[in-house]
Amino acid sequence: MELGTFSISLAVKDIKASKAFYEKLGFKVFMGDISQNWLILKNGDHVIGLFQGMFERNMLTFNPGWDSNAQKLDSFADVRELQRQLKAQSVELMSEADESTTGPASFMILDPDGNPILIDQHV
């Protein structure tokens, strides 16, 4: 199962302090809007998202349809197909993509330790 590009999404308390900290580690802002309390930072192939006030816990994030530079892939498994495959394996979904739609959609699952995993397709 190809889930797409991976990043960690961090639920931060102070996005400006977090941005400054991760910049000291060599991360650079790649996309986002600090005035909306979200930024995506990169250090080489490593990607982290900083999100203030958007969700309670840190989460693993996969983006079907994107490469590591947020460029659309020519071929990829649609988020709805990934959702169907996981449902067929009896994986419980916390939220679901509407299977009657196409294009951008997402769903969320939890791992056995309660860590959220977001499958978030933007194309």
PDB file of N, CA and C in Angstrom:
ATOM      1  N   MET A   1       0.852  -1.175   0.000  1.00  0.00           N
ATOM      2  CA  MET A   1       0.000   0.000   0.000  1.00  0.00           C
ATOM      3  C   MET A   1       0.894   1.232   0.000  1.00  0.00           C
ATOM      4  N   GLU A   2       0.748   2.051  -1.012  1.00  0.00           N
ATOM      5  CA  GLU A   2       1.525   3.295  -1.126  1.00  0.00           C
ATOM      6  C   GLU A   2       0.697   4.444  -0.560  1.00  0.00           C
ATOM      7  N   LEU A   3       1.120   4.990   0.586  1.00  0.00           N
ATOM      8  CA  LEU A   3       0.354   6.022   1.286  1.00  0.00           C
ATOM      9  C   LEU A   3       0.685   7.440   0.862  1.00  0.00           C
ATOM     10  N   GLY A   4       1.779   7.634   0.160  1.00  0.00           N
ATOM     11  CA  GLY A   4       2.173   8.980  -0.245  1.00  0.00           C
ATOM     12  C   GLY A   4       3.261   9.549   0.639  1.00  0.00           C
ATOM     13  N   THR A   5       3.547  10.798   0.432  1.00  0.00           N
ATOM     14  CA  THR A   5       4.610  11.494   1.159  1.00  0.00           C
ATOM     15  C   THR A   5       4.300  11.545   2.643  1.00  0.00           C
ATOM     16  N   PHE A   6       5.320  11.322   3.471  1.00  0.00           N
ATOM     17  CA  PHE A   6       5.160  11.284   4.927  1.00  0.00           C
ATOM     18  C   PHE A   6       5.660  12.568   5.579  1.00  0.00           C
ATOM     19  N   SER A   7       4.942  12.995   6.599  1.00  0.00           N
ATOM     20  CA  SER A   7       5.414  14.068   7.474  1.00  0.00           C
ATOM     21  C   SER A   7       4.837  13.838   8.858  1.00  0.00           C
ATOM     22  N   ILE A   8       5.386  14.524   9.819  1.00  0.00           N
ATOM     23  CA  ILE A   8       4.825  14.523  11.168  1.00  0.00           C
ATOM     24  C   ILE A   8       4.170  15.880  11.369  1.00  0.00           C
ATOM     25  N   SER A   9       2.944  15.867  11.849  1.00  0.00           N
ATOM     26  CA  SER A   9       2.205  17.093  12.117  1.00  0.00           C
ATOM     27  C   SER A   9       2.214  17.322  13.622  1.00  0.00           C
ATOM     28  N   LEU A  10       2.809  18.423  14.036  1.00  0.00           N
ATOM     29  CA  LEU A  10       2.954  18.709  15.463  1.00  0.00           C
ATOM     30  C   LEU A  10       1.906  19.709  15.929  1.00  0.00           C
ATOM     31  N   ALA A  11       1.221  19.361  17.000  1.00  0.00           N
ATOM     32  CA  ALA A  11       0.273  20.271  17.646  1.00  0.00           C
ATOM     33  C   ALA A  11       1.104  21.146  18.594  1.00  0.00           C
ATOM     34  N   VAL A  12       1.358  22.384  18.202  1.00  0.00           N
ATOM     35  CA  VAL A  12       2.251  23.254  18.973  1.00  0.00           C
ATOM     36  C   VAL A  12       1.456  24.292  19.765  1.00  0.00           C
ATOM     37  N   LYS A  13       2.064  24.742  20.874  1.00  0.00           N
ATOM     38  CA  LYS A  13       1.428  25.747  21.732  1.00  0.00           C
ATOM     39  C   LYS A  13       1.699  27.161  21.247  1.00  0.00           C
ATOM     40  N   ASP A  14       2.897  27.391  20.693  1.00  0.00           N
ATOM     41  CA  ASP A  14       3.305  28.721  20.236  1.00  0.00           C
ATOM     42  C   ASP A  14       4.036  28.543  18.909  1.00  0.00           C
ATOM     43  N   ILE A  15       3.343  28.813  17.807  1.00  0.00           N
ATOM     44  CA  ILE A  15       3.910  28.528  16.486  1.00  0.00           C
ATOM     45  C   ILE A  15       5.170  29.341  16.211  1.00  0.00           C
ATOM     46  N   LYS A  16       5.238  30.570  16.707  1.00  0.00           N
ATOM     47  CA  LYS A  16       6.438  31.382  16.482  1.00  0.00           C
ATOM     48  C   LYS A  16       7.635  30.799  17.210  1.00  0.00           C
ATOM     49  N   ALA A  17       7.440  30.340  18.452  1.00  0.00           N
ATOM     50  CA  ALA A  17       8.536  29.725  19.212  1.00  0.00           C
ATOM     51  C   ALA A  17       8.961  28.411  18.561  1.00  0.00           C
ATOM     52  N   SER A  18       7.984  27.626  18.087  1.00  0.00           N
ATOM     53  CA  SER A  18       8.302  26.352  17.436  1.00  0.00           C
ATOM     54  C   SER A  18       9.037  26.580  16.127  1.00  0.00           C
ATOM     55  N   LYS A  19       8.603  27.554  15.363  1.00  0.00           N
ATOM     56  CA  LYS A  19       9.274  27.884  14.095  1.00  0.00           C
ATOM     57  C   LYS A  19      10.729  28.256  14.369  1.00  0.00           C
ATOM     58  N   ALA A  20      10.959  29.117  15.338  1.00  0.00           N
ATOM     59  CA  ALA A  20      12.322  29.545  15.664  1.00  0.00           C
ATOM     60  C   ALA A  20      13.172  28.354  16.109  1.00  0.00           C
ATOM     61  N   PHE A  21      12.604  27.458  16.905  1.00  0.00           N
ATOM     62  CA  PHE A  21      13.340  26.282  17.377  1.00  0.00           C
ATOM     63  C   PHE A  21      13.741  25.383  16.207  1.00  0.00           C
ATOM     64  N   TYR A  22      12.780  25.039  15.346  1.00  0.00           N
ATOM     65  CA  TYR A  22      13.082  24.128  14.244  1.00  0.00           C
ATOM     66  C   TYR A  22      13.999  24.762  13.201  1.00  0.00           C
ATOM     67  N   GLU A  23      13.958  26.080  13.070  1.00  0.00           N
ATOM     68  CA  GLU A  23      14.910  26.743  12.183  1.00  0.00           C
ATOM     69  C   GLU A  23      16.335  26.572  12.704  1.00  0.00           C
ATOM     70  N   LYS A  24      16.520  26.533  14.017  1.00  0.00           N
ATOM     71  CA  LYS A  24      17.849  26.287  14.598  1.00  0.00           C
ATOM     72  C   LYS A  24      18.351  24.895  14.249  1.00  0.00           C
ATOM     73  N   LEU A  25      17.420  23.967  13.978  1.00  0.00           N
ATOM     74  CA  LEU A  25      17.787  22.604  13.581  1.00  0.00           C
ATOM     75  C   LEU A  25      17.973  22.478  12.073  1.00  0.00           C
ATOM     76  N   GLY A  26      17.865  23.593  11.357  1.00  0.00           N
ATOM     77  CA  GLY A  26      18.087  23.590   9.918  1.00  0.00           C
ATOM     78  C   GLY A  26      16.835  23.497   9.070  1.00  0.00           C
ATOM     79  N   PHE A  27      15.662  23.498   9.681  1.00  0.00           N
ATOM     80  CA  PHE A  27      14.422  23.468   8.909  1.00  0.00           C
ATOM     81  C   PHE A  27      14.138  24.849   8.341  1.00  0.00           C
ATOM     82  N   LYS A  28      13.520  24.872   7.162  1.00  0.00           N
ATOM     83  CA  LYS A  28      13.123  26.122   6.511  1.00  0.00           C
ATOM     84  C   LYS A  28      11.645  26.036   6.144  1.00  0.00           C
ATOM     85  N   VAL A  29      10.960  27.167   6.239  1.00  0.00           N
ATOM     86  CA  VAL A  29       9.545  27.193   5.876  1.00  0.00           C
ATOM     87  C   VAL A  29       9.405  26.838   4.398  1.00  0.00           C
ATOM     88  N   PHE A  30       8.528  25.891   4.128  1.00  0.00           N
ATOM     89  CA  PHE A  30       8.290  25.382   2.788  1.00  0.00           C
ATOM     90  C   PHE A  30       6.946  25.871   2.257  1.00  0.00           C
ATOM     91  N   MET A  31       5.957  25.904   3.124  1.00  0.00           N
ATOM     92  CA  MET A  31       4.638  26.401   2.764  1.00  0.00           C
ATOM     93  C   MET A  31       3.867  26.679   4.045  1.00  0.00           C
ATOM     94  N   GLY A  32       2.719  27.309   3.906  1.00  0.00           N
ATOM     95  CA  GLY A  32       1.892  27.590   5.070  1.00  0.00           C
ATOM     96  C   GLY A  32       1.663  29.073   5.256  1.00  0.00           C
ATOM     97  N   ASP A  33       0.996  29.400   6.360  1.00  0.00           N
ATOM     98  CA  ASP A  33       0.653  30.782   6.672  1.00  0.00           C
ATOM     99  C   ASP A  33       0.653  30.949   8.183  1.00  0.00           C
ATOM    100  N   ILE A  34       1.679  31.581   8.705  1.00  0.00           N
ATOM    101  CA  ILE A  34       1.798  31.725  10.151  1.00  0.00           C
ATOM    102  C   ILE A  34       0.626  32.512  10.728  1.00  0.00           C
ATOM    103  N   SER A  35       0.021  33.415   9.949  1.00  0.00           N
ATOM    104  CA  SER A  35      -1.136  34.172  10.443  1.00  0.00           C
ATOM    105  C   SER A  35      -2.363  33.266  10.614  1.00  0.00           C
ATOM    106  N   GLN A  36      -2.362  32.116   9.940  1.00  0.00           N
ATOM    107  CA  GLN A  36      -3.432  31.123  10.093  1.00  0.00           C
ATOM    108  C   GLN A  36      -3.012  29.990  11.035  1.00  0.00           C
ATOM    109  N   ASN A  37      -1.840  30.139  11.658  1.00  0.00           N
ATOM    110  CA  ASN A  37      -1.317  29.192  12.655  1.00  0.00           C
ATOM    111  C   ASN A  37      -0.936  27.829  12.089  1.00  0.00           C
ATOM    112  N   TRP A  38      -0.419  27.807  10.851  1.00  0.00           N
ATOM    113  CA  TRP A  38       0.125  26.561  10.320  1.00  0.00           C
ATOM    114  C   TRP A  38       1.292  26.843   9.380  1.00  0.00           C
ATOM    115  N   LEU A  39       2.314  26.004   9.488  1.00  0.00           N
ATOM    116  CA  LEU A  39       3.496  26.075   8.631  1.00  0.00           C
ATOM    117  C   LEU A  39       3.973  24.663   8.326  1.00  0.00           C
ATOM    118  N   ILE A  40       4.539  24.468   7.150  1.00  0.00           N
ATOM    119  CA  ILE A  40       5.205  23.227   6.791  1.00  0.00           C
ATOM    120  C   ILE A  40       6.679  23.580   6.616  1.00  0.00           C
ATOM    121  N   LEU A  41       7.553  22.832   7.278  1.00  0.00           N
ATOM    122  CA  LEU A  41       8.988  23.085   7.224  1.00  0.00           C
ATOM    123  C   LEU A  41       9.702  21.858   6.682  1.00  0.00           C
ATOM    124  N   LYS A  42      10.817  22.109   5.975  1.00  0.00           N
ATOM    125  CA  LYS A  42      11.619  21.024   5.411  1.00  0.00           C
ATOM    126  C   LYS A  42      13.082  21.191   5.819  1.00  0.00           C
ATOM    127  N   ASN A  43      13.724  20.057   5.990  1.00  0.00           N
ATOM    128  CA  ASN A  43      15.165  19.971   6.169  1.00  0.00           C
ATOM    129  C   ASN A  43      15.583  18.782   5.319  1.00  0.00           C
ATOM    130  N   GLY A  44      16.083  19.055   4.107  1.00  0.00           N
ATOM    131  CA  GLY A  44      16.360  17.965   3.165  1.00  0.00           C
ATOM    132  C   GLY A  44      15.048  17.294   2.797  1.00  0.00           C
ATOM    133  N   ASP A  45      14.991  15.971   2.979  1.00  0.00           N
ATOM    134  CA  ASP A  45      13.764  15.225   2.684  1.00  0.00           C
ATOM    135  C   ASP A  45      12.820  15.144   3.878  1.00  0.00           C
ATOM    136  N   HIS A  46      13.217  15.695   5.021  1.00  0.00           N
ATOM    137  CA  HIS A  46      12.416  15.603   6.240  1.00  0.00           C
ATOM    138  C   HIS A  46      11.411  16.751   6.302  1.00  0.00           C
ATOM    139  N   VAL A  47      10.157  16.401   6.575  1.00  0.00           N
ATOM    140  CA  VAL A  47       9.076  17.388   6.573  1.00  0.00           C
ATOM    141  C   VAL A  47       8.331  17.325   7.905  1.00  0.00           C
ATOM    142  N   ILE A  48       8.113  18.504   8.494  1.00  0.00           N
ATOM    143  CA  ILE A  48       7.270  18.603   9.677  1.00  0.00           C
ATOM    144  C   ILE A  48       6.251  19.709   9.456  1.00  0.00           C
ATOM    145  N   GLY A  49       5.095  19.534  10.039  1.00  0.00           N
ATOM    146  CA  GLY A  49       4.074  20.568  10.022  1.00  0.00           C
ATOM    147  C   GLY A  49       3.898  21.097  11.435  1.00  0.00           C
ATOM    148  N   LEU A  50       3.767  22.398  11.562  1.00  0.00           N
ATOM    149  CA  LEU A  50       3.484  23.036  12.848  1.00  0.00           C
ATOM    150  C   LEU A  50       2.063  23.570  12.780  1.00  0.00           C
ATOM    151  N   PHE A  51       1.236  23.162  13.719  1.00  0.00           N
ATOM    152  CA  PHE A  51      -0.175  23.538  13.723  1.00  0.00           C
ATOM    153  C   PHE A  51      -0.566  23.982  15.129  1.00  0.00           C
ATOM    154  N   GLN A  52      -0.910  25.244  15.279  1.00  0.00           N
ATOM    155  CA  GLN A  52      -1.314  25.772  16.575  1.00  0.00           C
ATOM    156  C   GLN A  52      -2.836  25.852  16.653  1.00  0.00           C
ATOM    157  N   GLY A  53      -3.415  25.158  17.630  1.00  0.00           N
ATOM    158  CA  GLY A  53      -4.851  25.230  17.865  1.00  0.00           C
ATOM    159  C   GLY A  53      -5.715  24.482  16.873  1.00  0.00           C
ATOM    160  N   MET A  54      -5.141  23.598  16.072  1.00  0.00           N
ATOM    161  CA  MET A  54      -5.930  22.902  15.050  1.00  0.00           C
ATOM    162  C   MET A  54      -6.297  21.480  15.444  1.00  0.00           C
ATOM    163  N   PHE A  55      -5.468  20.832  16.248  1.00  0.00           N
ATOM    164  CA  PHE A  55      -5.787  19.497  16.739  1.00  0.00           C
ATOM    165  C   PHE A  55      -5.058  19.267  18.051  1.00  0.00           C
ATOM    166  N   GLU A  56      -5.503  18.244  18.791  1.00  0.00           N
ATOM    167  CA  GLU A  56      -5.015  18.027  20.156  1.00  0.00           C
ATOM    168  C   GLU A  56      -3.673  17.326  20.241  1.00  0.00           C
ATOM    169  N   ARG A  57      -3.398  16.403  19.340  1.00  0.00           N
ATOM    170  CA  ARG A  57      -2.206  15.564  19.450  1.00  0.00           C
ATOM    171  C   ARG A  57      -1.361  15.660  18.193  1.00  0.00           C
ATOM    172  N   ASN A  58      -0.092  15.320  18.358  1.00  0.00           N
ATOM    173  CA  ASN A  58       0.772  15.144  17.196  1.00  0.00           C
ATOM    174  C   ASN A  58       0.222  13.984  16.381  1.00  0.00           C
ATOM    175  N   MET A  59       0.437  14.023  15.052  1.00  0.00           N
ATOM    176  CA  MET A  59      -0.041  12.918  14.234  1.00  0.00           C
ATOM    177  C   MET A  59       0.887  12.653  13.054  1.00  0.00           C
ATOM    178  N   LEU A  60       0.854  11.407  12.620  1.00  0.00           N
ATOM    179  CA  LEU A  60       1.542  11.015  11.402  1.00  0.00           C
ATOM    180  C   LEU A  60       0.653  11.426  10.238  1.00  0.00           C
ATOM    181  N   THR A  61       1.244  11.975   9.191  1.00  0.00           N
ATOM    182  CA  THR A  61       0.464  12.424   8.039  1.00  0.00           C
ATOM    183  C   THR A  61       1.058  11.854   6.759  1.00  0.00           C
ATOM    184  N   PHE A  62       0.187  11.352   5.911  1.00  0.00           N
ATOM    185  CA  PHE A  62       0.573  10.857   4.587  1.00  0.00           C
ATOM    186  C   PHE A  62      -0.253  11.602   3.552  1.00  0.00           C
ATOM    187  N   ASN A  63       0.385  11.987   2.453  1.00  0.00           N
ATOM    188  CA  ASN A  63      -0.292  12.739   1.388  1.00  0.00           C
ATOM    189  C   ASN A  63      -0.224  11.985   0.071  1.00  0.00           C
ATOM    190  N   PRO A  64      -1.257  11.166  -0.226  1.00  0.00           N
ATOM    191  CA  PRO A  64      -1.297  10.501  -1.535  1.00  0.00           C
ATOM    192  C   PRO A  64      -1.351  11.544  -2.649  1.00  0.00           C
ATOM    193  N   GLY A  65      -0.632  11.269  -3.727  1.00  0.00           N
ATOM    194  CA  GLY A  65      -0.680  12.156  -4.892  1.00  0.00           C
ATOM    195  C   GLY A  65       0.384  13.221  -4.926  1.00  0.00           C
ATOM    196  N   TRP A  66       1.156  13.346  -3.852  1.00  0.00           N
ATOM    197  CA  TRP A  66       2.228  14.347  -3.793  1.00  0.00           C
ATOM    198  C   TRP A  66       3.581  13.682  -3.661  1.00  0.00           C
ATOM    199  N   ASP A  67       4.602  14.316  -4.259  1.00  0.00           N
ATOM    200  CA  ASP A  67       5.972  13.926  -3.959  1.00  0.00           C
ATOM    201  C   ASP A  67       6.436  14.754  -2.755  1.00  0.00           C
ATOM    202  N   SER A  68       7.699  14.634  -2.373  1.00  0.00           N
ATOM    203  CA  SER A  68       8.190  15.319  -1.168  1.00  0.00           C
ATOM    204  C   SER A  68       8.282  16.836  -1.325  1.00  0.00           C
ATOM    205  N   ASN A  69       8.059  17.338  -2.556  1.00  0.00           N
ATOM    206  CA  ASN A  69       8.045  18.784  -2.778  1.00  0.00           C
ATOM    207  C   ASN A  69       6.633  19.308  -3.047  1.00  0.00           C
ATOM    208  N   ALA A  70       5.618  18.520  -2.655  1.00  0.00           N
ATOM    209  CA  ALA A  70       4.210  18.879  -2.831  1.00  0.00           C
ATOM    210  C   ALA A  70       3.845  19.074  -4.299  1.00  0.00           C
ATOM    211  N   GLN A  71       4.501  18.315  -5.164  1.00  0.00           N
ATOM    212  CA  GLN A  71       4.190  18.329  -6.591  1.00  0.00           C
ATOM    213  C   GLN A  71       3.341  17.100  -6.904  1.00  0.00           C
ATOM    214  N   LYS A  72       2.334  17.281  -7.742  1.00  0.00           N
ATOM    215  CA  LYS A  72       1.422  16.194  -8.077  1.00  0.00           C
ATOM    216  C   LYS A  72       2.145  15.075  -8.814  1.00  0.00           C
ATOM    217  N   LEU A  73       1.868  13.848  -8.387  1.00  0.00           N
ATOM    218  CA  LEU A  73       2.404  12.668  -9.056  1.00  0.00           C
ATOM    219  C   LEU A  73       1.505  12.298 -10.234  1.00  0.00           C
ATOM    220  N   ASP A  74       2.097  11.723 -11.269  1.00  0.00           N
ATOM    221  CA  ASP A  74       1.320  11.285 -12.432  1.00  0.00           C
ATOM    222  C   ASP A  74       0.395  10.126 -12.073  1.00  0.00           C
ATOM    223  N   SER A  75       0.858   9.263 -11.186  1.00  0.00           N
ATOM    224  CA  SER A  75       0.095   8.076 -10.814  1.00  0.00           C
ATOM    225  C   SER A  75       0.183   7.881  -9.301  1.00  0.00           C
ATOM    226  N   PHE A  76      -0.962   7.589  -8.670  1.00  0.00           N
ATOM    227  CA  PHE A  76      -0.978   7.343  -7.222  1.00  0.00           C
ATOM    228  C   PHE A  76      -2.287   6.663  -6.845  1.00  0.00           C
ATOM    229  N   ALA A  77      -2.293   6.034  -5.680  1.00  0.00           N
ATOM    230  CA  ALA A  77      -3.507   5.409  -5.155  1.00  0.00           C
ATOM    231  C   ALA A  77      -4.369   6.496  -4.517  1.00  0.00           C
ATOM    232  N   ASP A  78      -5.592   6.639  -4.998  1.00  0.00           N
ATOM    233  CA  ASP A  78      -6.520   7.630  -4.473  1.00  0.00           C
ATOM    234  C   ASP A  78      -6.862   7.321  -3.013  1.00  0.00           C
ATOM    235  N   VAL A  79      -7.068   8.377  -2.241  1.00  0.00           N
ATOM    236  CA  VAL A  79      -7.365   8.249  -0.819  1.00  0.00           C
ATOM    237  C   VAL A  79      -8.579   7.341  -0.573  1.00  0.00           C
ATOM    238  N   ARG A  80      -9.569   7.376  -1.455  1.00  0.00           N
ATOM    239  CA  ARG A  80     -10.760   6.541  -1.279  1.00  0.00           C
ATOM    240  C   ARG A  80     -10.430   5.060  -1.477  1.00  0.00           C
ATOM    241  N   GLU A  81      -9.500   4.762  -2.393  1.00  0.00           N
ATOM    242  CA  GLU A  81      -9.069   3.378  -2.586  1.00  0.00           C
ATOM    243  C   GLU A  81      -8.293   2.894  -1.354  1.00  0.00           C
ATOM    244  N   LEU A  82      -7.426   3.733  -0.823  1.00  0.00           N
ATOM    245  CA  LEU A  82      -6.696   3.359   0.397  1.00  0.00           C
ATOM    246  C   LEU A  82      -7.672   3.098   1.537  1.00  0.00           C
ATOM    247  N   GLN A  83      -8.680   3.941   1.645  1.00  0.00           N
ATOM    248  CA  GLN A  83      -9.699   3.782   2.679  1.00  0.00           C
ATOM    249  C   GLN A  83     -10.419   2.441   2.523  1.00  0.00           C
ATOM    250  N   ARG A  84     -10.811   2.103   1.296  1.00  0.00           N
ATOM    251  CA  ARG A  84     -11.493   0.819   1.049  1.00  0.00           C
ATOM    252  C   ARG A  84     -10.593  -0.355   1.437  1.00  0.00           C
ATOM    253  N   GLN A  85      -9.302  -0.282   1.097  1.00  0.00           N
ATOM    254  CA  GLN A  85      -8.376  -1.364   1.436  1.00  0.00           C
ATOM    255  C   GLN A  85      -8.259  -1.539   2.950  1.00  0.00           C
ATOM    256  N   LEU A  86      -8.192  -0.437   3.683  1.00  0.00           N
ATOM    257  CA  LEU A  86      -8.074  -0.539   5.138  1.00  0.00           C
ATOM    258  C   LEU A  86      -9.367  -1.047   5.771  1.00  0.00           C
ATOM    259  N   LYS A  87     -10.499  -0.590   5.265  1.00  0.00           N
ATOM    260  CA  LYS A  87     -11.783  -1.096   5.766  1.00  0.00           C
ATOM    261  C   LYS A  87     -11.900  -2.602   5.539  1.00  0.00           C
ATOM    262  N   ALA A  88     -11.427  -3.076   4.391  1.00  0.00           N
ATOM    263  CA  ALA A  88     -11.469  -4.507   4.076  1.00  0.00           C
ATOM    264  C   ALA A  88     -10.617  -5.319   5.046  1.00  0.00           C
ATOM    265  N   GLN A  89      -9.636  -4.650   5.666  1.00  0.00           N
ATOM    266  CA  GLN A  89      -8.783  -5.307   6.655  1.00  0.00           C
ATOM    267  C   GLN A  89      -9.281  -5.051   8.081  1.00  0.00           C
ATOM    268  N   SER A  90     -10.499  -4.541   8.195  1.00  0.00           N
ATOM    269  CA  SER A  90     -11.148  -4.260   9.488  1.00  0.00           C
ATOM    270  C   SER A  90     -10.435  -3.201  10.312  1.00  0.00           C
ATOM    271  N   VAL A  91      -9.785  -2.246   9.634  1.00  0.00           N
ATOM    272  CA  VAL A  91      -9.193  -1.108  10.337  1.00  0.00           C
ATOM    273  C   VAL A  91     -10.307  -0.103  10.589  1.00  0.00           C
ATOM    274  N   GLU A  92     -10.472   0.293  11.852  1.00  0.00           N
ATOM    275  CA  GLU A  92     -11.518   1.244  12.213  1.00  0.00           C
ATOM    276  C   GLU A  92     -11.099   2.657  11.821  1.00  0.00           C
ATOM    277  N   LEU A  93     -11.998   3.376  11.179  1.00  0.00           N
ATOM    278  CA  LEU A  93     -11.728   4.749  10.757  1.00  0.00           C
ATOM    279  C   LEU A  93     -12.362   5.732  11.735  1.00  0.00           C
ATOM    280  N   MET A  94     -11.587   6.759  12.113  1.00  0.00           N
ATOM    281  CA  MET A  94     -12.098   7.819  12.983  1.00  0.00           C
ATOM    282  C   MET A  94     -12.915   8.813  12.170  1.00  0.00           C
ATOM    283  N   SER A  95     -12.476   9.058  10.943  1.00  0.00           N
ATOM    284  CA  SER A  95     -13.213   9.900   9.999  1.00  0.00           C
ATOM    285  C   SER A  95     -13.021   9.273   8.630  1.00  0.00           C
ATOM    286  N   GLU A  96     -13.936   9.565   7.721  1.00  0.00           N
ATOM    287  CA  GLU A  96     -13.903   8.926   6.404  1.00  0.00           C
ATOM    288  C   GLU A  96     -13.990   9.947   5.283  1.00  0.00           C
ATOM    289  N   ALA A  97     -13.361   9.603   4.178  1.00  0.00           N
ATOM    290  CA  ALA A  97     -13.516  10.356   2.933  1.00  0.00           C
ATOM    291  C   ALA A  97     -14.836   9.938   2.302  1.00  0.00           C
ATOM    292  N   ASP A  98     -15.510  10.873   1.686  1.00  0.00           N
ATOM    293  CA  ASP A  98     -16.757  10.591   0.979  1.00  0.00           C
ATOM    294  C   ASP A  98     -16.403   9.857  -0.315  1.00  0.00           C
ATOM    295  N   GLU A  99     -16.791   8.594  -0.395  1.00  0.00           N
ATOM    296  CA  GLU A  99     -16.414   7.769  -1.544  1.00  0.00           C
ATOM    297  C   GLU A  99     -17.175   8.111  -2.816  1.00  0.00           C
ATOM    298  N   SER A 100     -18.153   9.001  -2.738  1.00  0.00           N
ATOM    299  CA  SER A 100     -18.882   9.409  -3.945  1.00  0.00           C
ATOM    300  C   SER A 100     -18.222  10.610  -4.620  1.00  0.00           C
ATOM    301  N   THR A 101     -17.117  11.093  -4.043  1.00  0.00           N
ATOM    302  CA  THR A 101     -16.438  12.267  -4.582  1.00  0.00           C
ATOM    303  C   THR A 101     -15.129  11.877  -5.260  1.00  0.00           C
ATOM    304  N   THR A 102     -14.494  12.855  -5.891  1.00  0.00           N
ATOM    305  CA  THR A 102     -13.150  12.700  -6.448  1.00  0.00           C
ATOM    306  C   THR A 102     -12.335  13.897  -5.981  1.00  0.00           C
ATOM    307  N   GLY A 103     -11.021  13.811  -6.164  1.00  0.00           N
ATOM    308  CA  GLY A 103     -10.156  14.926  -5.799  1.00  0.00           C
ATOM    309  C   GLY A 103      -9.798  14.932  -4.317  1.00  0.00           C
ATOM    310  N   PRO A 104      -9.513  16.117  -3.779  1.00  0.00           N
ATOM    311  CA  PRO A 104      -9.062  16.228  -2.395  1.00  0.00           C
ATOM    312  C   PRO A 104     -10.047  15.595  -1.405  1.00  0.00           C
ATOM    313  N   ALA A 105      -9.484  14.844  -0.457  1.00  0.00           N
ATOM    314  CA  ALA A 105     -10.274  14.204   0.601  1.00  0.00           C
ATOM    315  C   ALA A 105      -9.303  13.652   1.637  1.00  0.00           C
ATOM    316  N   SER A 106      -9.829  13.262   2.780  1.00  0.00           N
ATOM    317  CA  SER A 106      -8.975  12.692   3.818  1.00  0.00           C
ATOM    318  C   SER A 106      -9.766  11.734   4.691  1.00  0.00           C
ATOM    319  N   PHE A 107      -9.021  10.898   5.404  1.00  0.00           N
ATOM    320  CA  PHE A 107      -9.600  10.078   6.454  1.00  0.00           C
ATOM    321  C   PHE A 107      -8.559   9.924   7.550  1.00  0.00           C
ATOM    322  N   MET A 108      -9.015   9.485   8.727  1.00  0.00           N
ATOM    323  CA  MET A 108      -8.109   9.361   9.861  1.00  0.00           C
ATOM    324  C   MET A 108      -8.337   8.021  10.554  1.00  0.00           C
ATOM    325  N   ILE A 109      -7.225   7.425  10.993  1.00  0.00           N
ATOM    326  CA  ILE A 109      -7.254   6.193  11.777  1.00  0.00           C
ATOM    327  C   ILE A 109      -6.383   6.394  13.005  1.00  0.00           C
ATOM    328  N   LEU A 110      -6.472   5.460  13.946  1.00  0.00           N
ATOM    329  CA  LEU A 110      -5.599   5.450  15.125  1.00  0.00           C
ATOM    330  C   LEU A 110      -4.772   4.182  15.108  1.00  0.00           C
ATOM    331  N   ASP A 111      -3.493   4.280  15.504  1.00  0.00           N
ATOM    332  CA  ASP A 111      -2.706   3.068  15.662  1.00  0.00           C
ATOM    333  C   ASP A 111      -3.072   2.431  17.011  1.00  0.00           C
ATOM    334  N   PRO A 112      -2.551   1.244  17.326  1.00  0.00           N
ATOM    335  CA  PRO A 112      -2.941   0.564  18.563  1.00  0.00           C
ATOM    336  C   PRO A 112      -2.632   1.354  19.848  1.00  0.00           C
ATOM    337  N   ASP A 113      -1.728   2.325  19.765  1.00  0.00           N
ATOM    338  CA  ASP A 113      -1.396   3.130  20.936  1.00  0.00           C
ATOM    339  C   ASP A 113      -2.144   4.459  20.978  1.00  0.00           C
ATOM    340  N   GLY A 114      -3.077   4.647  20.065  1.00  0.00           N
ATOM    341  CA  GLY A 114      -3.882   5.862  20.057  1.00  0.00           C
ATOM    342  C   GLY A 114      -3.268   7.019  19.304  1.00  0.00           C
ATOM    343  N   ASN A 115      -2.193   6.770  18.548  1.00  0.00           N
ATOM    344  CA  ASN A 115      -1.586   7.827  17.744  1.00  0.00           C
ATOM    345  C   ASN A 115      -2.405   8.045  16.480  1.00  0.00           C
ATOM    346  N   PRO A 116      -2.842   9.280  16.230  1.00  0.00           N
ATOM    347  CA  PRO A 116      -3.626   9.529  15.022  1.00  0.00           C
ATOM    348  C   PRO A 116      -2.766   9.486  13.763  1.00  0.00           C
ATOM    349  N   ILE A 117      -3.358   8.959  12.703  1.00  0.00           N
ATOM    350  CA  ILE A 117      -2.725   8.905  11.392  1.00  0.00           C
ATOM    351  C   ILE A 117      -3.714   9.511  10.404  1.00  0.00           C
ATOM    352  N   LEU A 118      -3.273  10.588   9.750  1.00  0.00           N
ATOM    353  CA  LEU A 118      -4.107  11.299   8.787  1.00  0.00           C
ATOM    354  C   LEU A 118      -3.644  10.959   7.384  1.00  0.00           C
ATOM    355  N   ILE A 119      -4.554  10.501   6.559  1.00  0.00           N
ATOM    356  CA  ILE A 119      -4.292  10.272   5.133  1.00  0.00           C
ATOM    357  C   ILE A 119      -5.010  11.418   4.427  1.00  0.00           C
ATOM    358  N   ASP A 120      -4.240  12.362   3.896  1.00  0.00           N
ATOM    359  CA  ASP A 120      -4.776  13.653   3.458  1.00  0.00           C
ATOM    360  C   ASP A 120      -4.345  13.938   2.030  1.00  0.00           C
ATOM    361  N   GLN A 121      -5.266  13.746   1.082  1.00  0.00           N
ATOM    362  CA  GLN A 121      -4.979  13.939  -0.335  1.00  0.00           C
ATOM    363  C   GLN A 121      -5.403  15.351  -0.739  1.00  0.00           C
ATOM    364  N   HIS A 122      -4.488  16.090  -1.352  1.00  0.00           N
ATOM    365  CA  HIS A 122      -4.741  17.472  -1.756  1.00  0.00           C
ATOM    366  C   HIS A 122      -5.002  17.632  -3.246  1.00  0.00           C
ATOM    367  N   VAL A 123      -4.885  16.553  -4.023  1.00  0.00           N
ATOM    368  CA  VAL A 123      -5.060  16.652  -5.480  1.00  0.00           C
ATOM    369  C   VAL A 123      -6.215  15.784  -5.941  1.00  0.00           C
TER     370      VAL A 123
END
